[in-house]
Amino acid sequence: MPFDVSTKDCAQLNDSELAEMADLCAETPSRYEIGDLSKQAEAWVLVTQVREGAHLRGFSFSTLERIGGTPAIILGLAHVRRTSKRDQVLKGIMNDNYRRALMAFPDEDVLVGTRLAAVDGFEAFKVLVDINPRPDHKSSGEERAWGRRLAKRFGMEADYDDKMFVAKGNGSYPLVFDHESLKPERLDPEIAPFFKPLNAKRGDCLVAFGWIMAEELLKYNG
């Protein structure tokens, strides 16, 4: 059965949809509840949902905005259900965000930023370039500044380490892009050290970002 991917304004989310999201999250350590998701719907502009028939398989909260004039896709809380088709769900979420970005920012390179609690989330960055943090790369002052801007956008600037791209939590599971790889053996082992400073019990997360080039965005036309 093919997946149905759609994006709409968060204001259009109803209680039934929020309950579906909470049911998905209850299956994983995040365990986001309806109250958490309702607050996210108020904090973000867009919600992307991936369905297989009548069943919700994944979602993301996001916004398209300019940060200091630079076009950006900011991904808030996102979740992909742990099924054998989760790679397709992840692709559906990202592709629809890119499609929206192309409409909003034609002919421009676009920053893509989110928060991660595990290495697996980097699979969402497959088409991005100049990813930070990344192995064998010393981030420049401007790249660290982008990390600070994103941490501020996420409301986590107070306890943010711009050299390690780590934002300290508040004791609850962080509001991250929650995805578990179908093939973890294929993940780059050199990415794992970026997550070692995270205190899981405190709810720390990694602020990560990259760029999708204008020519790459054109592939998502239609």
C-alpha atoms as a PDB file:
ATOM      1  CA  MET A   1       0.000   0.000   0.000  1.00  0.00           C
ATOM      2  CA  PRO A   2       1.473   3.384  -0.998  1.00  0.00           C
ATOM      3  CA  PHE A   3       2.108   6.068   1.583  1.00  0.00           C
ATOM      4  CA  ASP A   4       0.065   9.258   1.671  1.00  0.00           C
ATOM      5  CA  VAL A   5       2.175  12.268   2.679  1.00  0.00           C
ATOM      6  CA  SER A   6       0.543  15.582   3.491  1.00  0.00           C
ATOM      7  CA  THR A   7       1.483  18.875   5.138  1.00  0.00           C
ATOM      8  CA  LYS A   8      -0.905  21.393   6.652  1.00  0.00           C
ATOM      9  CA  ASP A   9      -1.050  24.203   9.196  1.00  0.00           C
ATOM     10  CA  CYS A  10      -0.701  23.027  12.784  1.00  0.00           C
ATOM     11  CA  ALA A  11      -3.854  24.994  13.629  1.00  0.00           C
ATOM     12  CA  GLN A  12      -5.794  22.439  11.571  1.00  0.00           C
ATOM     13  CA  LEU A  13      -4.741  19.488  13.743  1.00  0.00           C
ATOM     14  CA  ASN A  14      -7.627  17.955  15.655  1.00  0.00           C
ATOM     15  CA  ASP A  15      -7.705  15.988  18.913  1.00  0.00           C
ATOM     16  CA  SER A  16      -7.999  12.682  17.078  1.00  0.00           C
ATOM     17  CA  GLU A  17      -4.806  13.324  15.128  1.00  0.00           C
ATOM     18  CA  LEU A  18      -2.938  14.344  18.286  1.00  0.00           C
ATOM     19  CA  ALA A  19      -4.108  11.129  19.930  1.00  0.00           C
ATOM     20  CA  GLU A  20      -2.759   9.118  16.971  1.00  0.00           C
ATOM     21  CA  MET A  21       0.602  10.834  17.355  1.00  0.00           C
ATOM     22  CA  ALA A  22       0.665  10.112  21.076  1.00  0.00           C
ATOM     23  CA  ASP A  23      -0.113   6.441  20.392  1.00  0.00           C
ATOM     24  CA  LEU A  24       2.918   6.198  18.088  1.00  0.00           C
ATOM     25  CA  CYS A  25       5.198   7.839  20.630  1.00  0.00           C
ATOM     26  CA  ALA A  26       3.964   5.570  23.432  1.00  0.00           C
ATOM     27  CA  GLU A  27       5.773   2.696  21.725  1.00  0.00           C
ATOM     28  CA  THR A  28       9.208   4.311  22.186  1.00  0.00           C
ATOM     29  CA  PRO A  29      11.295   5.899  24.969  1.00  0.00           C
ATOM     30  CA  SER A  30      10.098   9.385  23.997  1.00  0.00           C
ATOM     31  CA  ARG A  31       6.528   8.698  25.142  1.00  0.00           C
ATOM     32  CA  TYR A  32       5.338  12.151  24.163  1.00  0.00           C
ATOM     33  CA  GLU A  33       1.786  12.617  25.409  1.00  0.00           C
ATOM     34  CA  ILE A  34      -1.129  14.561  23.955  1.00  0.00           C
ATOM     35  CA  GLY A  35      -0.280  17.559  26.138  1.00  0.00           C
ATOM     36  CA  ASP A  36       3.297  17.643  24.802  1.00  0.00           C
ATOM     37  CA  LEU A  37       2.086  17.340  21.221  1.00  0.00           C
ATOM     38  CA  SER A  38      -0.574  19.989  21.682  1.00  0.00           C
ATOM     39  CA  LYS A  39       2.105  22.434  22.853  1.00  0.00           C
ATOM     40  CA  GLN A  40       4.189  21.573  19.795  1.00  0.00           C
ATOM     41  CA  ALA A  41       1.219  22.284  17.554  1.00  0.00           C
ATOM     42  CA  GLU A  42       1.066  25.747  19.121  1.00  0.00           C
ATOM     43  CA  ALA A  43       4.818  26.303  18.802  1.00  0.00           C
ATOM     44  CA  TRP A  44       5.227  25.336  15.140  1.00  0.00           C
ATOM     45  CA  VAL A  45       3.566  26.345  11.885  1.00  0.00           C
ATOM     46  CA  LEU A  46       3.430  23.167   9.801  1.00  0.00           C
ATOM     47  CA  VAL A  47       2.790  19.497  10.485  1.00  0.00           C
ATOM     48  CA  THR A  48       3.689  16.757   8.004  1.00  0.00           C
ATOM     49  CA  GLN A  49       1.983  13.377   8.344  1.00  0.00           C
ATOM     50  CA  VAL A  50       2.753  10.084   6.615  1.00  0.00           C
ATOM     51  CA  ARG A  51      -0.063   7.545   6.445  1.00  0.00           C
ATOM     52  CA  GLU A  52      -0.273   4.003   5.187  1.00  0.00           C
ATOM     53  CA  GLY A  53      -3.939   3.564   4.516  1.00  0.00           C
ATOM     54  CA  ALA A  54      -5.732   4.717   7.653  1.00  0.00           C
ATOM     55  CA  HIS A  55      -2.671   4.320   9.858  1.00  0.00           C
ATOM     56  CA  LEU A  56      -0.290   7.112  10.852  1.00  0.00           C
ATOM     57  CA  ARG A  57       3.340   6.041  10.403  1.00  0.00           C
ATOM     58  CA  GLY A  58       5.257   9.239  11.079  1.00  0.00           C
ATOM     59  CA  PHE A  59       5.036  12.996  11.476  1.00  0.00           C
ATOM     60  CA  SER A  60       7.060  16.166  11.922  1.00  0.00           C
ATOM     61  CA  PHE A  61       6.434  19.650  13.228  1.00  0.00           C
ATOM     62  CA  SER A  62       8.300  22.342  11.346  1.00  0.00           C
ATOM     63  CA  THR A  63       8.439  25.886  10.121  1.00  0.00           C
ATOM     64  CA  LEU A  64       9.851  27.621   7.071  1.00  0.00           C
ATOM     65  CA  GLU A  65      11.406  30.917   8.034  1.00  0.00           C
ATOM     66  CA  ARG A  66      14.314  33.236   7.490  1.00  0.00           C
ATOM     67  CA  ILE A  67      16.936  33.519  10.176  1.00  0.00           C
ATOM     68  CA  GLY A  68      18.837  36.735   9.645  1.00  0.00           C
ATOM     69  CA  GLY A  69      17.700  36.666   6.025  1.00  0.00           C
ATOM     70  CA  THR A  70      18.795  33.055   5.452  1.00  0.00           C
ATOM     71  CA  PRO A  71      16.022  30.648   4.394  1.00  0.00           C
ATOM     72  CA  ALA A  72      15.628  27.702   6.739  1.00  0.00           C
ATOM     73  CA  ILE A  73      13.642  24.567   7.424  1.00  0.00           C
ATOM     74  CA  ILE A  74      13.463  24.212  11.193  1.00  0.00           C
ATOM     75  CA  LEU A  75      12.328  20.755  12.239  1.00  0.00           C
ATOM     76  CA  GLY A  76      10.905  20.472  15.724  1.00  0.00           C
ATOM     77  CA  LEU A  77       9.603  17.297  17.266  1.00  0.00           C
ATOM     78  CA  ALA A  78       9.348  14.501  14.690  1.00  0.00           C
ATOM     79  CA  HIS A  79       8.671  10.798  15.009  1.00  0.00           C
ATOM     80  CA  VAL A  80       8.953   7.762  12.735  1.00  0.00           C
ATOM     81  CA  ARG A  81       7.258   4.544  13.768  1.00  0.00           C
ATOM     82  CA  ARG A  82       9.562   1.525  14.075  1.00  0.00           C
ATOM     83  CA  THR A  83       8.305  -0.585  11.169  1.00  0.00           C
ATOM     84  CA  SER A  84      10.071  -2.376   8.333  1.00  0.00           C
ATOM     85  CA  LYS A  85       9.116   0.543   6.065  1.00  0.00           C
ATOM     86  CA  ARG A  86      10.421   3.328   8.277  1.00  0.00           C
ATOM     87  CA  ASP A  87      13.059   4.378   5.747  1.00  0.00           C
ATOM     88  CA  GLN A  88      10.245   5.213   3.321  1.00  0.00           C
ATOM     89  CA  VAL A  89       8.397   7.121   6.041  1.00  0.00           C
ATOM     90  CA  LEU A  90      11.509   9.142   6.874  1.00  0.00           C
ATOM     91  CA  LYS A  91      12.009   9.914   3.197  1.00  0.00           C
ATOM     92  CA  GLY A  92       8.375  10.985   2.893  1.00  0.00           C
ATOM     93  CA  ILE A  93       8.680  13.403   5.805  1.00  0.00           C
ATOM     94  CA  MET A  94      11.852  15.000   4.504  1.00  0.00           C
ATOM     95  CA  ASN A  95      10.732  15.132   0.872  1.00  0.00           C
ATOM     96  CA  ASP A  96       7.555  16.993   1.746  1.00  0.00           C
ATOM     97  CA  ASN A  97       9.495  19.496   3.849  1.00  0.00           C
ATOM     98  CA  TYR A  98      11.827  20.031   0.893  1.00  0.00           C
ATOM     99  CA  ARG A  99       8.871  20.441  -1.465  1.00  0.00           C
ATOM    100  CA  ARG A 100       7.463  23.166   0.760  1.00  0.00           C
ATOM    101  CA  ALA A 101      10.868  24.830   0.993  1.00  0.00           C
ATOM    102  CA  LEU A 102      11.166  24.923  -2.791  1.00  0.00           C
ATOM    103  CA  MET A 103       7.847  26.768  -3.013  1.00  0.00           C
ATOM    104  CA  ALA A 104       8.843  29.216  -0.288  1.00  0.00           C
ATOM    105  CA  PHE A 105      12.480  29.761  -1.269  1.00  0.00           C
ATOM    106  CA  PRO A 106      12.941  29.139  -5.020  1.00  0.00           C
ATOM    107  CA  ASP A 107      16.511  29.419  -6.310  1.00  0.00           C
ATOM    108  CA  GLU A 108      18.017  29.592  -2.816  1.00  0.00           C
ATOM    109  CA  ASP A 109      20.160  27.310  -0.688  1.00  0.00           C
ATOM    110  CA  VAL A 110      18.265  26.396   2.463  1.00  0.00           C
ATOM    111  CA  LEU A 111      19.503  25.618   5.976  1.00  0.00           C
ATOM    112  CA  VAL A 112      17.972  22.516   7.595  1.00  0.00           C
ATOM    113  CA  GLY A 113      18.230  22.296  11.387  1.00  0.00           C
ATOM    114  CA  THR A 114      16.881  19.978  14.060  1.00  0.00           C
ATOM    115  CA  ARG A 115      17.660  18.326  17.400  1.00  0.00           C
ATOM    116  CA  LEU A 116      18.849  14.750  17.779  1.00  0.00           C
ATOM    117  CA  ALA A 117      19.234  12.362  20.704  1.00  0.00           C
ATOM    118  CA  ALA A 118      20.800   9.478  18.765  1.00  0.00           C
ATOM    119  CA  VAL A 119      23.044   8.834  15.777  1.00  0.00           C
ATOM    120  CA  ASP A 120      20.133   7.402  13.777  1.00  0.00           C
ATOM    121  CA  GLY A 121      18.623  10.828  13.241  1.00  0.00           C
ATOM    122  CA  PHE A 122      21.441  11.751  10.873  1.00  0.00           C
ATOM    123  CA  GLU A 123      19.726   9.530   8.286  1.00  0.00           C
ATOM    124  CA  ALA A 124      17.353  12.462   7.757  1.00  0.00           C
ATOM    125  CA  PHE A 125      20.337  14.465   6.430  1.00  0.00           C
ATOM    126  CA  LYS A 126      21.188  12.244   3.448  1.00  0.00           C
ATOM    127  CA  VAL A 127      20.910  14.938   0.768  1.00  0.00           C
ATOM    128  CA  LEU A 128      22.447  17.740   2.823  1.00  0.00           C
ATOM    129  CA  VAL A 129      25.936  19.197   2.529  1.00  0.00           C
ATOM    130  CA  ASP A 130      28.199  21.017   4.998  1.00  0.00           C
ATOM    131  CA  ILE A 131      26.603  19.154   7.900  1.00  0.00           C
ATOM    132  CA  ASN A 132      27.579  20.232  11.410  1.00  0.00           C
ATOM    133  CA  PRO A 133      28.838  18.566  13.418  1.00  0.00           C
ATOM    134  CA  ARG A 134      30.574  16.028  11.155  1.00  0.00           C
ATOM    135  CA  PRO A 135      33.650  13.773  11.412  1.00  0.00           C
ATOM    136  CA  ASP A 136      37.102  15.159  10.624  1.00  0.00           C
ATOM    137  CA  HIS A 137      35.841  18.720  10.563  1.00  0.00           C
ATOM    138  CA  LYS A 138      36.622  21.605  12.876  1.00  0.00           C
ATOM    139  CA  SER A 139      33.597  23.865  12.816  1.00  0.00           C
ATOM    140  CA  SER A 140      34.260  27.485  11.909  1.00  0.00           C
ATOM    141  CA  GLY A 141      33.132  30.459  13.939  1.00  0.00           C
ATOM    142  CA  GLU A 142      30.233  31.011  11.551  1.00  0.00           C
ATOM    143  CA  GLU A 143      29.166  27.373  11.818  1.00  0.00           C
ATOM    144  CA  ARG A 144      29.231  27.564  15.615  1.00  0.00           C
ATOM    145  CA  ALA A 145      27.195  30.762  15.338  1.00  0.00           C
ATOM    146  CA  TRP A 146      24.567  28.849  13.350  1.00  0.00           C
ATOM    147  CA  GLY A 147      24.426  26.313  16.134  1.00  0.00           C
ATOM    148  CA  ARG A 148      23.796  29.118  18.636  1.00  0.00           C
ATOM    149  CA  ARG A 149      21.069  30.619  16.456  1.00  0.00           C
ATOM    150  CA  LEU A 150      19.318  27.275  16.230  1.00  0.00           C
ATOM    151  CA  ALA A 151      19.677  26.628  19.956  1.00  0.00           C
ATOM    152  CA  LYS A 152      18.043  30.006  20.551  1.00  0.00           C
ATOM    153  CA  ARG A 153      15.273  29.129  18.090  1.00  0.00           C
ATOM    154  CA  PHE A 154      14.662  25.940  20.092  1.00  0.00           C
ATOM    155  CA  GLY A 155      14.649  27.902  23.349  1.00  0.00           C
ATOM    156  CA  MET A 156      17.778  26.124  24.619  1.00  0.00           C
ATOM    157  CA  GLU A 157      20.436  28.836  24.340  1.00  0.00           C
ATOM    158  CA  ALA A 158      20.976  29.205  28.097  1.00  0.00           C
ATOM    159  CA  ASP A 159      22.882  25.922  28.481  1.00  0.00           C
ATOM    160  CA  TYR A 160      24.225  25.420  24.988  1.00  0.00           C
ATOM    161  CA  ASP A 161      27.824  24.421  24.225  1.00  0.00           C
ATOM    162  CA  ASP A 162      28.617  25.843  20.794  1.00  0.00           C
ATOM    163  CA  LYS A 163      31.824  23.824  20.425  1.00  0.00           C
ATOM    164  CA  MET A 164      30.111  20.483  21.018  1.00  0.00           C
ATOM    165  CA  PHE A 165      26.690  21.489  19.601  1.00  0.00           C
ATOM    166  CA  VAL A 166      25.087  20.108  22.771  1.00  0.00           C
ATOM    167  CA  ALA A 167      22.070  21.646  24.491  1.00  0.00           C
ATOM    168  CA  LYS A 168      21.335  20.619  28.077  1.00  0.00           C
ATOM    169  CA  GLY A 169      17.873  19.290  28.871  1.00  0.00           C
ATOM    170  CA  ASN A 170      15.421  19.958  31.660  1.00  0.00           C
ATOM    171  CA  GLY A 171      14.977  16.425  32.967  1.00  0.00           C
ATOM    172  CA  SER A 172      12.462  15.200  30.389  1.00  0.00           C
ATOM    173  CA  TYR A 173      12.942  13.423  27.074  1.00  0.00           C
ATOM    174  CA  PRO A 174      14.107  16.040  24.547  1.00  0.00           C
ATOM    175  CA  LEU A 175      11.858  17.239  21.713  1.00  0.00           C
ATOM    176  CA  VAL A 176      13.943  15.695  18.959  1.00  0.00           C
ATOM    177  CA  PHE A 177      13.717  14.114  15.528  1.00  0.00           C
ATOM    178  CA  ASP A 178      12.987  10.616  16.847  1.00  0.00           C
ATOM    179  CA  HIS A 179      14.031   7.949  14.344  1.00  0.00           C
ATOM    180  CA  GLU A 180      15.612   4.533  14.761  1.00  0.00           C
ATOM    181  CA  SER A 181      17.662   3.204  11.857  1.00  0.00           C
ATOM    182  CA  LEU A 182      16.533   0.065  10.064  1.00  0.00           C
ATOM    183  CA  LYS A 183      20.179  -0.751   9.299  1.00  0.00           C
ATOM    184  CA  PRO A 184      22.293   0.650  12.157  1.00  0.00           C
ATOM    185  CA  GLU A 185      25.357  -1.204  10.907  1.00  0.00           C
ATOM    186  CA  ARG A 186      25.471   1.213   7.986  1.00  0.00           C
ATOM    187  CA  LEU A 187      25.652   4.305  10.173  1.00  0.00           C
ATOM    188  CA  ASP A 188      28.977   6.112  10.199  1.00  0.00           C
ATOM    189  CA  PRO A 189      30.703   5.030  13.448  1.00  0.00           C
ATOM    190  CA  GLU A 190      32.595   8.318  13.517  1.00  0.00           C
ATOM    191  CA  ILE A 191      29.351  10.182  14.231  1.00  0.00           C
ATOM    192  CA  ALA A 192      28.765   8.358  17.525  1.00  0.00           C
ATOM    193  CA  PRO A 193      31.318  10.421  19.551  1.00  0.00           C
ATOM    194  CA  PHE A 194      29.196  13.551  19.048  1.00  0.00           C
ATOM    195  CA  PHE A 195      26.557  11.959  21.273  1.00  0.00           C
ATOM    196  CA  LYS A 196      28.859  10.828  24.096  1.00  0.00           C
ATOM    197  CA  PRO A 197      28.614  14.160  26.002  1.00  0.00           C
ATOM    198  CA  LEU A 198      24.809  13.860  26.131  1.00  0.00           C
ATOM    199  CA  ASN A 199      23.264  13.125  29.517  1.00  0.00           C
ATOM    200  CA  ALA A 200      20.207  11.073  28.568  1.00  0.00           C
ATOM    201  CA  LYS A 201      18.588  11.329  32.002  1.00  0.00           C
ATOM    202  CA  ARG A 202      18.814  15.119  31.854  1.00  0.00           C
ATOM    203  CA  GLY A 203      17.346  15.151  28.354  1.00  0.00           C
ATOM    204  CA  ASP A 204      20.321  16.613  26.496  1.00  0.00           C
ATOM    205  CA  CYS A 205      20.296  16.768  22.716  1.00  0.00           C
ATOM    206  CA  LEU A 206      22.568  17.553  19.790  1.00  0.00           C
ATOM    207  CA  VAL A 207      21.748  20.583  17.652  1.00  0.00           C
ATOM    208  CA  ALA A 208      22.569  19.539  14.090  1.00  0.00           C
ATOM    209  CA  PHE A 209      22.185  21.221  10.727  1.00  0.00           C
ATOM    210  CA  GLY A 210      23.194  21.149   7.110  1.00  0.00           C
ATOM    211  CA  TRP A 211      22.337  22.748   3.782  1.00  0.00           C
ATOM    212  CA  ILE A 212      20.225  21.646   0.866  1.00  0.00           C
ATOM    213  CA  MET A 213      21.428  23.343  -2.283  1.00  0.00           C
ATOM    214  CA  ALA A 214      19.062  25.140  -4.648  1.00  0.00           C
ATOM    215  CA  GLU A 215      19.785  22.677  -7.456  1.00  0.00           C
ATOM    216  CA  GLU A 216      19.011  19.743  -5.155  1.00  0.00           C
ATOM    217  CA  LEU A 217      15.717  21.358  -4.060  1.00  0.00           C
ATOM    218  CA  LEU A 218      14.588  21.451  -7.701  1.00  0.00           C
ATOM    219  CA  LYS A 219      14.229  17.657  -7.570  1.00  0.00           C
ATOM    220  CA  TYR A 220      11.243  18.107  -5.240  1.00  0.00           C
ATOM    221  CA  ASN A 221       9.187  20.123  -7.699  1.00  0.00           C
ATOM    222  CA  GLY A 222       5.743  18.583  -8.038  1.00  0.00           C
END
